[in-house]
Amino acid sequence: MILEVVVADVKKGEGAAYEEAFRQASSLIASIPGYLSHELQRCVETPDRYVLLVRWETLEAHTVGFRQSVQYQEWKHLLHHFYDPFPVVEHYEGINLTP
């Protein structure tokens, strides 16, 4: 499993509109093969900052399957204009800590 982590700063005062647009966009990402789940969290200390966590079966499910899809074009249309600056996207994989 791959965890996509996005720390996103939304333009000041546009959090409510972003959250509504994200509700609409959620079904787009969920429709992609290899998608497992996602959650959006709002920062308590910095209310215009969000963390998006997306779980994918593979890295390629995100980088190829989603980013090269028609759904991604609609995702961009709904969400990308809210970001300032554009967020950094990183991918993480689990570490087995069992001895």
PDB file of N, CA and C in Angstrom:
ATOM      1  N   MET A   1       0.837  -1.172   0.000  1.00  0.00           N
ATOM      2  CA  MET A   1       0.000   0.000   0.000  1.00  0.00           C
ATOM      3  C   MET A   1       0.885   1.240   0.000  1.00  0.00           C
ATOM      4  N   ILE A   2       0.474   2.242  -0.738  1.00  0.00           N
ATOM      5  CA  ILE A   2       1.170   3.527  -0.815  1.00  0.00           C
ATOM      6  C   ILE A   2       0.272   4.594  -0.197  1.00  0.00           C
ATOM      7  N   LEU A   3       0.868   5.442   0.638  1.00  0.00           N
ATOM      8  CA  LEU A   3       0.147   6.555   1.228  1.00  0.00           C
ATOM      9  C   LEU A   3       0.614   7.836   0.549  1.00  0.00           C
ATOM     10  N   GLU A   4      -0.290   8.498  -0.112  1.00  0.00           N
ATOM     11  CA  GLU A   4      -0.034   9.817  -0.697  1.00  0.00           C
ATOM     12  C   GLU A   4      -0.340  10.851   0.372  1.00  0.00           C
ATOM     13  N   VAL A   5       0.600  11.771   0.605  1.00  0.00           N
ATOM     14  CA  VAL A   5       0.431  12.814   1.616  1.00  0.00           C
ATOM     15  C   VAL A   5       0.555  14.168   0.925  1.00  0.00           C
ATOM     16  N   VAL A   6      -0.463  14.982   1.096  1.00  0.00           N
ATOM     17  CA  VAL A   6      -0.496  16.314   0.496  1.00  0.00           C
ATOM     18  C   VAL A   6      -0.782  17.323   1.598  1.00  0.00           C
ATOM     19  N   VAL A   7       0.141  18.267   1.799  1.00  0.00           N
ATOM     20  CA  VAL A   7      -0.099  19.382   2.712  1.00  0.00           C
ATOM     21  C   VAL A   7      -0.434  20.573   1.822  1.00  0.00           C
ATOM     22  N   ALA A   8      -1.671  21.056   1.958  1.00  0.00           N
ATOM     23  CA  ALA A   8      -2.172  22.078   1.040  1.00  0.00           C
ATOM     24  C   ALA A   8      -2.588  23.326   1.787  1.00  0.00           C
ATOM     25  N   ASP A   9      -2.054  24.458   1.383  1.00  0.00           N
ATOM     26  CA  ASP A   9      -2.490  25.747   1.894  1.00  0.00           C
ATOM     27  C   ASP A   9      -3.499  26.328   0.918  1.00  0.00           C
ATOM     28  N   VAL A  10      -4.674  26.642   1.437  1.00  0.00           N
ATOM     29  CA  VAL A  10      -5.761  27.190   0.638  1.00  0.00           C
ATOM     30  C   VAL A  10      -5.763  28.709   0.829  1.00  0.00           C
ATOM     31  N   LYS A  11      -6.128  29.419  -0.209  1.00  0.00           N
ATOM     32  CA  LYS A  11      -6.181  30.883  -0.133  1.00  0.00           C
ATOM     33  C   LYS A  11      -7.035  31.322   1.051  1.00  0.00           C
ATOM     34  N   LYS A  12      -6.565  32.325   1.733  1.00  0.00           N
ATOM     35  CA  LYS A  12      -7.206  32.817   2.960  1.00  0.00           C
ATOM     36  C   LYS A  12      -8.698  33.068   2.754  1.00  0.00           C
ATOM     37  N   GLY A  13      -9.490  32.509   3.652  1.00  0.00           N
ATOM     38  CA  GLY A  13     -10.929  32.723   3.625  1.00  0.00           C
ATOM     39  C   GLY A  13     -11.701  31.843   2.670  1.00  0.00           C
ATOM     40  N   GLU A  14     -11.015  30.929   1.953  1.00  0.00           N
ATOM     41  CA  GLU A  14     -11.699  30.097   0.972  1.00  0.00           C
ATOM     42  C   GLU A  14     -11.866  28.647   1.433  1.00  0.00           C
ATOM     43  N   GLY A  15     -11.655  28.412   2.731  1.00  0.00           N
ATOM     44  CA  GLY A  15     -11.737  27.056   3.250  1.00  0.00           C
ATOM     45  C   GLY A  15     -13.089  26.395   3.049  1.00  0.00           C
ATOM     46  N   ALA A  16     -14.175  27.108   3.332  1.00  0.00           N
ATOM     47  CA  ALA A  16     -15.508  26.519   3.184  1.00  0.00           C
ATOM     48  C   ALA A  16     -15.789  26.151   1.729  1.00  0.00           C
ATOM     49  N   ALA A  17     -15.418  27.019   0.801  1.00  0.00           N
ATOM     50  CA  ALA A  17     -15.618  26.733  -0.627  1.00  0.00           C
ATOM     51  C   ALA A  17     -14.746  25.559  -1.060  1.00  0.00           C
ATOM     52  N   TYR A  18     -13.523  25.500  -0.539  1.00  0.00           N
ATOM     53  CA  TYR A  18     -12.628  24.380  -0.848  1.00  0.00           C
ATOM     54  C   TYR A  18     -13.219  23.069  -0.345  1.00  0.00           C
ATOM     55  N   GLU A  19     -13.712  23.067   0.872  1.00  0.00           N
ATOM     56  CA  GLU A  19     -14.281  21.844   1.427  1.00  0.00           C
ATOM     57  C   GLU A  19     -15.482  21.370   0.613  1.00  0.00           C
ATOM     58  N   GLU A  20     -16.313  22.289   0.159  1.00  0.00           N
ATOM     59  CA  GLU A  20     -17.454  21.911  -0.672  1.00  0.00           C
ATOM     60  C   GLU A  20     -16.990  21.351  -2.018  1.00  0.00           C
ATOM     61  N   ALA A  21     -16.012  21.995  -2.635  1.00  0.00           N
ATOM     62  CA  ALA A  21     -15.470  21.494  -3.905  1.00  0.00           C
ATOM     63  C   ALA A  21     -14.825  20.133  -3.697  1.00  0.00           C
ATOM     64  N   PHE A  22     -14.170  19.949  -2.557  1.00  0.00           N
ATOM     65  CA  PHE A  22     -13.536  18.660  -2.278  1.00  0.00           C
ATOM     66  C   PHE A  22     -14.585  17.566  -2.128  1.00  0.00           C
ATOM     67  N   ARG A  23     -15.729  17.882  -1.523  1.00  0.00           N
ATOM     68  CA  ARG A  23     -16.814  16.896  -1.430  1.00  0.00           C
ATOM     69  C   ARG A  23     -17.208  16.421  -2.826  1.00  0.00           C
ATOM     70  N   GLN A  24     -17.306  17.353  -3.751  1.00  0.00           N
ATOM     71  CA  GLN A  24     -17.659  17.007  -5.134  1.00  0.00           C
ATOM     72  C   GLN A  24     -16.555  16.181  -5.787  1.00  0.00           C
ATOM     73  N   ALA A  25     -15.309  16.538  -5.513  1.00  0.00           N
ATOM     74  CA  ALA A  25     -14.170  15.876  -6.154  1.00  0.00           C
ATOM     75  C   ALA A  25     -13.903  14.482  -5.591  1.00  0.00           C
ATOM     76  N   SER A  26     -14.385  14.200  -4.402  1.00  0.00           N
ATOM     77  CA  SER A  26     -14.084  12.919  -3.755  1.00  0.00           C
ATOM     78  C   SER A  26     -14.500  11.717  -4.586  1.00  0.00           C
ATOM     79  N   SER A  27     -15.632  11.794  -5.240  1.00  0.00           N
ATOM     80  CA  SER A  27     -16.072  10.652  -6.047  1.00  0.00           C
ATOM     81  C   SER A  27     -15.169  10.433  -7.263  1.00  0.00           C
ATOM     82  N   LEU A  28     -14.512  11.481  -7.727  1.00  0.00           N
ATOM     83  CA  LEU A  28     -13.614  11.348  -8.875  1.00  0.00           C
ATOM     84  C   LEU A  28     -12.418  10.470  -8.534  1.00  0.00           C
ATOM     85  N   ILE A  29     -11.775  10.768  -7.416  1.00  0.00           N
ATOM     86  CA  ILE A  29     -10.593   9.997  -7.036  1.00  0.00           C
ATOM     87  C   ILE A  29     -10.986   8.570  -6.642  1.00  0.00           C
ATOM     88  N   ALA A  30     -12.141   8.446  -6.004  1.00  0.00           N
ATOM     89  CA  ALA A  30     -12.599   7.130  -5.548  1.00  0.00           C
ATOM     90  C   ALA A  30     -12.926   6.189  -6.702  1.00  0.00           C
ATOM     91  N   SER A  31     -13.117   6.725  -7.895  1.00  0.00           N
ATOM     92  CA  SER A  31     -13.484   5.897  -9.049  1.00  0.00           C
ATOM     93  C   SER A  31     -12.277   5.280  -9.760  1.00  0.00           C
ATOM     94  N   ILE A  32     -11.073   5.598  -9.326  1.00  0.00           N
ATOM     95  CA  ILE A  32      -9.860   5.158 -10.016  1.00  0.00           C
ATOM     96  C   ILE A  32      -9.449   3.754  -9.561  1.00  0.00           C
ATOM     97  N   PRO A  33      -9.154   2.853 -10.496  1.00  0.00           N
ATOM     98  CA  PRO A  33      -8.653   1.528 -10.103  1.00  0.00           C
ATOM     99  C   PRO A  33      -7.375   1.667  -9.272  1.00  0.00           C
ATOM    100  N   GLY A  34      -7.301   0.926  -8.179  1.00  0.00           N
ATOM    101  CA  GLY A  34      -6.150   0.995  -7.294  1.00  0.00           C
ATOM    102  C   GLY A  34      -6.325   1.948  -6.135  1.00  0.00           C
ATOM    103  N   TYR A  35      -7.394   2.737  -6.149  1.00  0.00           N
ATOM    104  CA  TYR A  35      -7.719   3.627  -5.037  1.00  0.00           C
ATOM    105  C   TYR A  35      -8.244   2.782  -3.880  1.00  0.00           C
ATOM    106  N   LEU A  36      -7.808   3.099  -2.654  1.00  0.00           N
ATOM    107  CA  LEU A  36      -8.284   2.390  -1.470  1.00  0.00           C
ATOM    108  C   LEU A  36      -9.141   3.276  -0.558  1.00  0.00           C
ATOM    109  N   SER A  37      -8.651   4.470  -0.220  1.00  0.00           N
ATOM    110  CA  SER A  37      -9.409   5.371   0.650  1.00  0.00           C
ATOM    111  C   SER A  37      -8.731   6.734   0.676  1.00  0.00           C
ATOM    112  N   HIS A  38      -9.450   7.714   1.207  1.00  0.00           N
ATOM    113  CA  HIS A  38      -8.846   9.027   1.410  1.00  0.00           C
ATOM    114  C   HIS A  38      -9.526   9.743   2.567  1.00  0.00           C
ATOM    115  N   GLU A  39      -8.813  10.722   3.101  1.00  0.00           N
ATOM    116  CA  GLU A  39      -9.368  11.577   4.140  1.00  0.00           C
ATOM    117  C   GLU A  39      -8.735  12.949   4.031  1.00  0.00           C
ATOM    118  N   LEU A  40      -9.518  13.946   4.391  1.00  0.00           N
ATOM    119  CA  LEU A  40      -9.058  15.330   4.394  1.00  0.00           C
ATOM    120  C   LEU A  40      -9.151  15.839   5.825  1.00  0.00           C
ATOM    121  N   GLN A  41      -8.072  16.447   6.304  1.00  0.00           N
ATOM    122  CA  GLN A  41      -8.012  16.987   7.659  1.00  0.00           C
ATOM    123  C   GLN A  41      -7.679  18.474   7.589  1.00  0.00           C
ATOM    124  N   ARG A  42      -8.345  19.278   8.424  1.00  0.00           N
ATOM    125  CA  ARG A  42      -8.053  20.713   8.508  1.00  0.00           C
ATOM    126  C   ARG A  42      -7.167  20.957   9.726  1.00  0.00           C
ATOM    127  N   CYS A  43      -6.165  21.789   9.571  1.00  0.00           N
ATOM    128  CA  CYS A  43      -5.234  22.116  10.649  1.00  0.00           C
ATOM    129  C   CYS A  43      -5.932  22.982  11.705  1.00  0.00           C
ATOM    130  N   VAL A  44      -5.729  22.643  12.961  1.00  0.00           N
ATOM    131  CA  VAL A  44      -6.311  23.408  14.059  1.00  0.00           C
ATOM    132  C   VAL A  44      -5.601  24.749  14.209  1.00  0.00           C
ATOM    133  N   GLU A  45      -4.273  24.745  14.158  1.00  0.00           N
ATOM    134  CA  GLU A  45      -3.502  25.976  14.362  1.00  0.00           C
ATOM    135  C   GLU A  45      -3.518  26.906  13.149  1.00  0.00           C
ATOM    136  N   THR A  46      -3.605  26.342  11.963  1.00  0.00           N
ATOM    137  CA  THR A  46      -3.598  27.128  10.725  1.00  0.00           C
ATOM    138  C   THR A  46      -4.813  26.704   9.905  1.00  0.00           C
ATOM    139  N   PRO A  47      -5.969  27.337  10.119  1.00  0.00           N
ATOM    140  CA  PRO A  47      -7.223  26.865   9.537  1.00  0.00           C
ATOM    141  C   PRO A  47      -7.281  26.809   8.010  1.00  0.00           C
ATOM    142  N   ASP A  48      -6.400  27.514   7.324  1.00  0.00           N
ATOM    143  CA  ASP A  48      -6.389  27.461   5.859  1.00  0.00           C
ATOM    144  C   ASP A  48      -5.449  26.368   5.337  1.00  0.00           C
ATOM    145  N   ARG A  49      -4.938  25.514   6.222  1.00  0.00           N
ATOM    146  CA  ARG A  49      -4.041  24.413   5.834  1.00  0.00           C
ATOM    147  C   ARG A  49      -4.772  23.084   6.012  1.00  0.00           C
ATOM    148  N   TYR A  50      -4.596  22.229   5.018  1.00  0.00           N
ATOM    149  CA  TYR A  50      -5.235  20.913   5.017  1.00  0.00           C
ATOM    150  C   TYR A  50      -4.196  19.837   4.745  1.00  0.00           C
ATOM    151  N   VAL A  51      -4.482  18.649   5.234  1.00  0.00           N
ATOM    152  CA  VAL A  51      -3.695  17.471   4.894  1.00  0.00           C
ATOM    153  C   VAL A  51      -4.640  16.486   4.223  1.00  0.00           C
ATOM    154  N   LEU A  52      -4.262  16.058   3.040  1.00  0.00           N
ATOM    155  CA  LEU A  52      -4.998  15.031   2.319  1.00  0.00           C
ATOM    156  C   LEU A  52      -4.168  13.752   2.369  1.00  0.00           C
ATOM    157  N   LEU A  53      -4.787  12.676   2.817  1.00  0.00           N
ATOM    158  CA  LEU A  53      -4.149  11.363   2.849  1.00  0.00           C
ATOM    159  C   LEU A  53      -4.934  10.442   1.930  1.00  0.00           C
ATOM    160  N   VAL A  54      -4.240   9.881   0.945  1.00  0.00           N
ATOM    161  CA  VAL A  54      -4.882   8.968   0.003  1.00  0.00           C
ATOM    162  C   VAL A  54      -4.126   7.650   0.017  1.00  0.00           C
ATOM    163  N   ARG A  55      -4.840   6.577   0.165  1.00  0.00           N
ATOM    164  CA  ARG A  55      -4.235   5.242   0.142  1.00  0.00           C
ATOM    165  C   ARG A  55      -4.479   4.613  -1.220  1.00  0.00           C
ATOM    166  N   TRP A  56      -3.376   4.150  -1.808  1.00  0.00           N
ATOM    167  CA  TRP A  56      -3.392   3.534  -3.134  1.00  0.00           C
ATOM    168  C   TRP A  56      -2.807   2.131  -3.039  1.00  0.00           C
ATOM    169  N   GLU A  57      -3.248   1.243  -3.911  1.00  0.00           N
ATOM    170  CA  GLU A  57      -2.653  -0.096  -3.964  1.00  0.00           C
ATOM    171  C   GLU A  57      -1.197  -0.029  -4.406  1.00  0.00           C
ATOM    172  N   THR A  58      -0.909   0.841  -5.389  1.00  0.00           N
ATOM    173  CA  THR A  58       0.445   0.990  -5.923  1.00  0.00           C
ATOM    174  C   THR A  58       0.709   2.469  -6.200  1.00  0.00           C
ATOM    175  N   LEU A  59       1.973   2.818  -6.332  1.00  0.00           N
ATOM    176  CA  LEU A  59       2.337   4.178  -6.713  1.00  0.00           C
ATOM    177  C   LEU A  59       1.759   4.530  -8.077  1.00  0.00           C
ATOM    178  N   GLU A  60       1.809   3.586  -9.001  1.00  0.00           N
ATOM    179  CA  GLU A  60       1.336   3.828 -10.361  1.00  0.00           C
ATOM    180  C   GLU A  60      -0.170   4.076 -10.425  1.00  0.00           C
ATOM    181  N   ALA A  61      -0.917   3.526  -9.476  1.00  0.00           N
ATOM    182  CA  ALA A  61      -2.355   3.790  -9.449  1.00  0.00           C
ATOM    183  C   ALA A  61      -2.605   5.296  -9.329  1.00  0.00           C
ATOM    184  N   HIS A  62      -1.723   5.972  -8.592  1.00  0.00           N
ATOM    185  CA  HIS A  62      -1.851   7.423  -8.467  1.00  0.00           C
ATOM    186  C   HIS A  62      -1.173   8.154  -9.621  1.00  0.00           C
ATOM    187  N   THR A  63       0.122   7.869  -9.824  1.00  0.00           N
ATOM    188  CA  THR A  63       0.916   8.670 -10.758  1.00  0.00           C
ATOM    189  C   THR A  63       0.532   8.457 -12.213  1.00  0.00           C
ATOM    190  N   VAL A  64       0.024   7.289 -12.541  1.00  0.00           N
ATOM    191  CA  VAL A  64      -0.395   7.010 -13.910  1.00  0.00           C
ATOM    192  C   VAL A  64      -1.921   6.924 -13.997  1.00  0.00           C
ATOM    193  N   GLY A  65      -2.493   6.016 -13.202  1.00  0.00           N
ATOM    194  CA  GLY A  65      -3.935   5.771 -13.275  1.00  0.00           C
ATOM    195  C   GLY A  65      -4.775   7.009 -13.020  1.00  0.00           C
ATOM    196  N   PHE A  66      -4.459   7.744 -11.970  1.00  0.00           N
ATOM    197  CA  PHE A  66      -5.240   8.943 -11.655  1.00  0.00           C
ATOM    198  C   PHE A  66      -4.777  10.151 -12.452  1.00  0.00           C
ATOM    199  N   ARG A  67      -3.498  10.426 -12.427  1.00  0.00           N
ATOM    200  CA  ARG A  67      -3.014  11.666 -13.049  1.00  0.00           C
ATOM    201  C   ARG A  67      -3.164  11.688 -14.569  1.00  0.00           C
ATOM    202  N   GLN A  68      -3.323  10.550 -15.183  1.00  0.00           N
ATOM    203  CA  GLN A  68      -3.513  10.527 -16.638  1.00  0.00           C
ATOM    204  C   GLN A  68      -4.975  10.270 -17.017  1.00  0.00           C
ATOM    205  N   SER A  69      -5.867  10.445 -16.056  1.00  0.00           N
ATOM    206  CA  SER A  69      -7.281  10.140 -16.293  1.00  0.00           C
ATOM    207  C   SER A  69      -8.098  11.392 -16.597  1.00  0.00           C
ATOM    208  N   VAL A  70      -9.268  11.168 -17.147  1.00  0.00           N
ATOM    209  CA  VAL A  70     -10.242  12.238 -17.354  1.00  0.00           C
ATOM    210  C   VAL A  70     -10.690  12.790 -16.001  1.00  0.00           C
ATOM    211  N   GLN A  71     -10.801  11.907 -15.010  1.00  0.00           N
ATOM    212  CA  GLN A  71     -11.218  12.338 -13.680  1.00  0.00           C
ATOM    213  C   GLN A  71     -10.238  13.357 -13.088  1.00  0.00           C
ATOM    214  N   TYR A  72      -8.949  13.178 -13.366  1.00  0.00           N
ATOM    215  CA  TYR A  72      -7.958  14.122 -12.839  1.00  0.00           C
ATOM    216  C   TYR A  72      -8.147  15.511 -13.441  1.00  0.00           C
ATOM    217  N   GLN A  73      -8.534  15.581 -14.697  1.00  0.00           N
ATOM    218  CA  GLN A  73      -8.770  16.882 -15.321  1.00  0.00           C
ATOM    219  C   GLN A  73      -9.900  17.617 -14.593  1.00  0.00           C
ATOM    220  N   GLU A  74     -10.941  16.894 -14.226  1.00  0.00           N
ATOM    221  CA  GLU A  74     -12.046  17.503 -13.483  1.00  0.00           C
ATOM    222  C   GLU A  74     -11.612  17.850 -12.057  1.00  0.00           C
ATOM    223  N   TRP A  75     -10.811  16.984 -11.433  1.00  0.00           N
ATOM    224  CA  TRP A  75     -10.241  17.234 -10.096  1.00  0.00           C
ATOM    225  C   TRP A  75      -9.476  18.566 -10.112  1.00  0.00           C
ATOM    226  N   LYS A  76      -8.602  18.727 -11.111  1.00  0.00           N
ATOM    227  CA  LYS A  76      -7.826  19.963 -11.236  1.00  0.00           C
ATOM    228  C   LYS A  76      -8.750  21.173 -11.370  1.00  0.00           C
ATOM    229  N   HIS A  77      -9.764  21.038 -12.194  1.00  0.00           N
ATOM    230  CA  HIS A  77     -10.708  22.133 -12.423  1.00  0.00           C
ATOM    231  C   HIS A  77     -11.411  22.531 -11.120  1.00  0.00           C
ATOM    232  N   LEU A  78     -11.796  21.555 -10.322  1.00  0.00           N
ATOM    233  CA  LEU A  78     -12.512  21.817  -9.082  1.00  0.00           C
ATOM    234  C   LEU A  78     -11.623  22.375  -7.970  1.00  0.00           C
ATOM    235  N   LEU A  79     -10.348  21.919  -7.889  1.00  0.00           N
ATOM    236  CA  LEU A  79      -9.550  22.172  -6.693  1.00  0.00           C
ATOM    237  C   LEU A  79      -8.305  23.030  -6.860  1.00  0.00           C
ATOM    238  N   HIS A  80      -7.626  22.951  -7.973  1.00  0.00           N
ATOM    239  CA  HIS A  80      -6.293  23.551  -8.058  1.00  0.00           C
ATOM    240  C   HIS A  80      -6.277  25.068  -7.905  1.00  0.00           C
ATOM    241  N   HIS A  81      -7.344  25.750  -8.246  1.00  0.00           N
ATOM    242  CA  HIS A  81      -7.351  27.217  -8.122  1.00  0.00           C
ATOM    243  C   HIS A  81      -7.414  27.694  -6.665  1.00  0.00           C
ATOM    244  N   PHE A  82      -7.672  26.788  -5.724  1.00  0.00           N
ATOM    245  CA  PHE A  82      -7.713  27.161  -4.311  1.00  0.00           C
ATOM    246  C   PHE A  82      -6.324  27.251  -3.678  1.00  0.00           C
ATOM    247  N   TYR A  83      -5.317  26.605  -4.259  1.00  0.00           N
ATOM    248  CA  TYR A  83      -4.026  26.449  -3.602  1.00  0.00           C
ATOM    249  C   TYR A  83      -3.112  27.663  -3.776  1.00  0.00           C
ATOM    250  N   ASP A  84      -2.453  28.037  -2.667  1.00  0.00           N
ATOM    251  CA  ASP A  84      -1.454  29.104  -2.697  1.00  0.00           C
ATOM    252  C   ASP A  84      -0.497  28.910  -1.525  1.00  0.00           C
ATOM    253  N   PRO A  85       0.697  28.385  -1.796  1.00  0.00           N
ATOM    254  CA  PRO A  85       1.245  27.918  -3.075  1.00  0.00           C
ATOM    255  C   PRO A  85       0.711  26.531  -3.415  1.00  0.00           C
ATOM    256  N   PHE A  86       1.110  26.029  -4.584  1.00  0.00           N
ATOM    257  CA  PHE A  86       0.679  24.694  -4.981  1.00  0.00           C
ATOM    258  C   PHE A  86       1.311  23.680  -4.032  1.00  0.00           C
ATOM    259  N   PRO A  87       0.539  22.696  -3.564  1.00  0.00           N
ATOM    260  CA  PRO A  87       1.049  21.763  -2.551  1.00  0.00           C
ATOM    261  C   PRO A  87       2.099  20.794  -3.075  1.00  0.00           C
ATOM    262  N   VAL A  88       2.912  20.342  -2.141  1.00  0.00           N
ATOM    263  CA  VAL A  88       3.877  19.276  -2.411  1.00  0.00           C
ATOM    264  C   VAL A  88       3.158  17.957  -2.178  1.00  0.00           C
ATOM    265  N   VAL A  89       3.347  17.021  -3.093  1.00  0.00           N
ATOM    266  CA  VAL A  89       2.750  15.690  -2.992  1.00  0.00           C
ATOM    267  C   VAL A  89       3.881  14.696  -2.775  1.00  0.00           C
ATOM    268  N   GLU A  90       3.767  13.897  -1.727  1.00  0.00           N
ATOM    269  CA  GLU A  90       4.777  12.871  -1.445  1.00  0.00           C
ATOM    270  C   GLU A  90       4.080  11.539  -1.243  1.00  0.00           C
ATOM    271  N   HIS A  91       4.840  10.474  -1.483  1.00  0.00           N
ATOM    272  CA  HIS A  91       4.322   9.111  -1.335  1.00  0.00           C
ATOM    273  C   HIS A  91       5.146   8.355  -0.313  1.00  0.00           C
ATOM    274  N   TYR A  92       4.458   7.594   0.523  1.00  0.00           N
ATOM    275  CA  TYR A  92       5.112   6.847   1.599  1.00  0.00           C
ATOM    276  C   TYR A  92       4.687   5.384   1.522  1.00  0.00           C
ATOM    277  N   GLU A  93       5.607   4.525   1.975  1.00  0.00           N
ATOM    278  CA  GLU A  93       5.273   3.102   2.077  1.00  0.00           C
ATOM    279  C   GLU A  93       5.515   2.656   3.516  1.00  0.00           C
ATOM    280  N   GLY A  94       4.733   1.693   3.935  1.00  0.00           N
ATOM    281  CA  GLY A  94       4.812   1.216   5.305  1.00  0.00           C
ATOM    282  C   GLY A  94       6.127   0.475   5.584  1.00  0.00           C
ATOM    283  N   ILE A  95       6.503   0.510   6.836  1.00  0.00           N
ATOM    284  CA  ILE A  95       7.700  -0.187   7.298  1.00  0.00           C
ATOM    285  C   ILE A  95       7.238  -1.267   8.268  1.00  0.00           C
ATOM    286  N   ASN A  96       7.682  -2.485   8.051  1.00  0.00           N
ATOM    287  CA  ASN A  96       7.348  -3.583   8.942  1.00  0.00           C
ATOM    288  C   ASN A  96       8.215  -3.472  10.187  1.00  0.00           C
ATOM    289  N   LEU A  97       7.599  -3.210  11.318  1.00  0.00           N
ATOM    290  CA  LEU A  97       8.339  -3.031  12.573  1.00  0.00           C
ATOM    291  C   LEU A  97       8.291  -4.286  13.447  1.00  0.00           C
ATOM    292  N   THR A  98       7.695  -5.337  12.922  1.00  0.00           N
ATOM    293  CA  THR A  98       7.643  -6.593  13.669  1.00  0.00           C
ATOM    294  C   THR A  98       9.008  -7.270  13.632  1.00  0.00           C
ATOM    295  N   PRO A  99       9.545  -7.632  14.827  1.00  0.00           N
ATOM    296  CA  PRO A  99      10.873  -8.269  14.842  1.00  0.00           C
ATOM    297  C   PRO A  99      10.848  -9.673  14.241  1.00  0.00           C
TER     298      PRO A  99
END
